[in-house]
Every structure is written in structure tokens, then in C-alpha cells.
Amino acid sequence: MILAIEGVDRHHYPNLFEQMFRMRAAVFADRLAWDVTVVDGRECDRFDAEDPLYLLCVDEVTQHLK
């Protein structure tokens, strides 16, 4: 399933956002070796503070990001 979540509502989905920020760190910093800031295994940037719309692909059974 695809979820569209506004940044102001992300506190309703803490597990999904934890997964997403960790996945971003794994992809952008580890795999692609981009110069991004990773803190405690999570990649967050200034755009996350600007109330973005997040699109997350979630497994309906496990509730894990795909």
C-alpha cells in the first residue's frame, strides 16, 4: 500500500518514519556515498522541517517499508 503522509502528521507513524530515515541513511550515505548528515543511523535534512508530503510504500502484513 502507498501512504501519503504530511510532515505535520508524521508523529502518528513513528515506526514508519524511523524506518524511512534509516533507509535513507543506508541508501544515500552508505550505498551512494553522498555527502549527507547521518545522526544515530538516520538521514534527515532541512527539507524534513518544511512540512513535506511523504510517500511511503508499506507492506500491509508486516508494516515494513518496501
C-alpha atoms as a PDB file:
ATOM      1  CA  MET A   1       0.000   0.000   0.000  1.00  0.00           C
ATOM      2  CA  ILE A   2       1.128   3.553  -0.652  1.00  0.00           C
ATOM      3  CA  LEU A   3       0.673   6.084   2.149  1.00  0.00           C
ATOM      4  CA  ALA A   4       0.760   9.837   1.588  1.00  0.00           C
ATOM      5  CA  ILE A   5       1.634  11.497   4.900  1.00  0.00           C
ATOM      6  CA  GLU A   6       2.074  15.196   5.508  1.00  0.00           C
ATOM      7  CA  GLY A   7       5.085  16.171   7.583  1.00  0.00           C
ATOM      8  CA  VAL A   8       2.917  17.638  10.348  1.00  0.00           C
ATOM      9  CA  ASP A   9       1.296  14.201  10.791  1.00  0.00           C
ATOM     10  CA  ARG A  10       4.452  12.113  10.946  1.00  0.00           C
ATOM     11  CA  HIS A  11       4.189  11.793  14.740  1.00  0.00           C
ATOM     12  CA  HIS A  12       1.254   9.419  14.087  1.00  0.00           C
ATOM     13  CA  TYR A  13       3.625   6.988  12.309  1.00  0.00           C
ATOM     14  CA  PRO A  14       6.843   6.873  14.372  1.00  0.00           C
ATOM     15  CA  ASN A  15       7.843   3.350  13.318  1.00  0.00           C
ATOM     16  CA  LEU A  16       7.427   4.051   9.601  1.00  0.00           C
ATOM     17  CA  PHE A  17       9.408   7.279   9.811  1.00  0.00           C
ATOM     18  CA  GLU A  18      12.164   5.601  11.818  1.00  0.00           C
ATOM     19  CA  GLN A  19      12.410   3.007   9.042  1.00  0.00           C
ATOM     20  CA  MET A  20      12.379   5.678   6.336  1.00  0.00           C
ATOM     21  CA  PHE A  21      15.125   7.827   7.884  1.00  0.00           C
ATOM     22  CA  ARG A  22      17.296   4.732   8.437  1.00  0.00           C
ATOM     23  CA  MET A  23      16.646   3.570   4.866  1.00  0.00           C
ATOM     24  CA  ARG A  24      17.638   6.993   3.560  1.00  0.00           C
ATOM     25  CA  ALA A  25      20.914   6.778   5.507  1.00  0.00           C
ATOM     26  CA  ALA A  26      21.600   3.309   4.114  1.00  0.00           C
ATOM     27  CA  VAL A  27      20.913   4.385   0.535  1.00  0.00           C
ATOM     28  CA  PHE A  28      22.294   7.925   0.388  1.00  0.00           C
ATOM     29  CA  ALA A  29      25.273   7.691   2.762  1.00  0.00           C
ATOM     30  CA  ASP A  30      26.271   4.035   2.662  1.00  0.00           C
ATOM     31  CA  ARG A  31      25.371   2.864  -0.832  1.00  0.00           C
ATOM     32  CA  LEU A  32      25.684   6.040  -2.906  1.00  0.00           C
ATOM     33  CA  ALA A  33      28.355   7.667  -0.703  1.00  0.00           C
ATOM     34  CA  TRP A  34      26.639  11.050  -0.905  1.00  0.00           C
ATOM     35  CA  ASP A  35      27.771  13.789   1.463  1.00  0.00           C
ATOM     36  CA  VAL A  36      24.718  13.766   3.749  1.00  0.00           C
ATOM     37  CA  THR A  37      24.454  14.121   7.501  1.00  0.00           C
ATOM     38  CA  VAL A  38      23.623  10.926   9.361  1.00  0.00           C
ATOM     39  CA  VAL A  39      22.889  11.105  13.090  1.00  0.00           C
ATOM     40  CA  ASP A  40      22.174   7.937  15.097  1.00  0.00           C
ATOM     41  CA  GLY A  41      21.771   5.996  11.858  1.00  0.00           C
ATOM     42  CA  ARG A  42      19.160   8.369  10.424  1.00  0.00           C
ATOM     43  CA  GLU A  43      19.412  10.763   7.487  1.00  0.00           C
ATOM     44  CA  CYS A  44      17.328  13.919   7.930  1.00  0.00           C
ATOM     45  CA  ASP A  45      17.807  17.189   6.109  1.00  0.00           C
ATOM     46  CA  ARG A  46      16.429  20.718   6.077  1.00  0.00           C
ATOM     47  CA  PHE A  47      13.557  19.742   3.797  1.00  0.00           C
ATOM     48  CA  ASP A  48      12.128  17.484   6.505  1.00  0.00           C
ATOM     49  CA  ALA A  49      11.489  20.636   8.565  1.00  0.00           C
ATOM     50  CA  GLU A  50       9.453  22.236   5.755  1.00  0.00           C
ATOM     51  CA  ASP A  51       6.305  20.087   6.119  1.00  0.00           C
ATOM     52  CA  PRO A  52       6.864  17.883   3.054  1.00  0.00           C
ATOM     53  CA  LEU A  53       4.462  15.282   1.736  1.00  0.00           C
ATOM     54  CA  TYR A  54       5.997  11.828   2.212  1.00  0.00           C
ATOM     55  CA  LEU A  55       5.037   8.883   0.010  1.00  0.00           C
ATOM     56  CA  LEU A  56       5.777   5.580   1.712  1.00  0.00           C
ATOM     57  CA  CYS A  57       5.335   2.106   0.253  1.00  0.00           C
ATOM     58  CA  VAL A  58       4.342  -0.155   3.148  1.00  0.00           C
ATOM     59  CA  ASP A  59       3.843  -3.915   3.288  1.00  0.00           C
ATOM     60  CA  GLU A  60       0.291  -4.384   4.580  1.00  0.00           C
ATOM     61  CA  VAL A  61       1.154  -7.548   6.516  1.00  0.00           C
ATOM     62  CA  THR A  62       4.480  -6.647   8.144  1.00  0.00           C
ATOM     63  CA  GLN A  63       4.030  -2.852   8.229  1.00  0.00           C
ATOM     64  CA  HIS A  64       7.621  -2.501   6.979  1.00  0.00           C
ATOM     65  CA  LEU A  65       8.712  -0.199   4.211  1.00  0.00           C
ATOM     66  CA  LYS A  66       9.341  -1.816   0.860  1.00  0.00           C
END
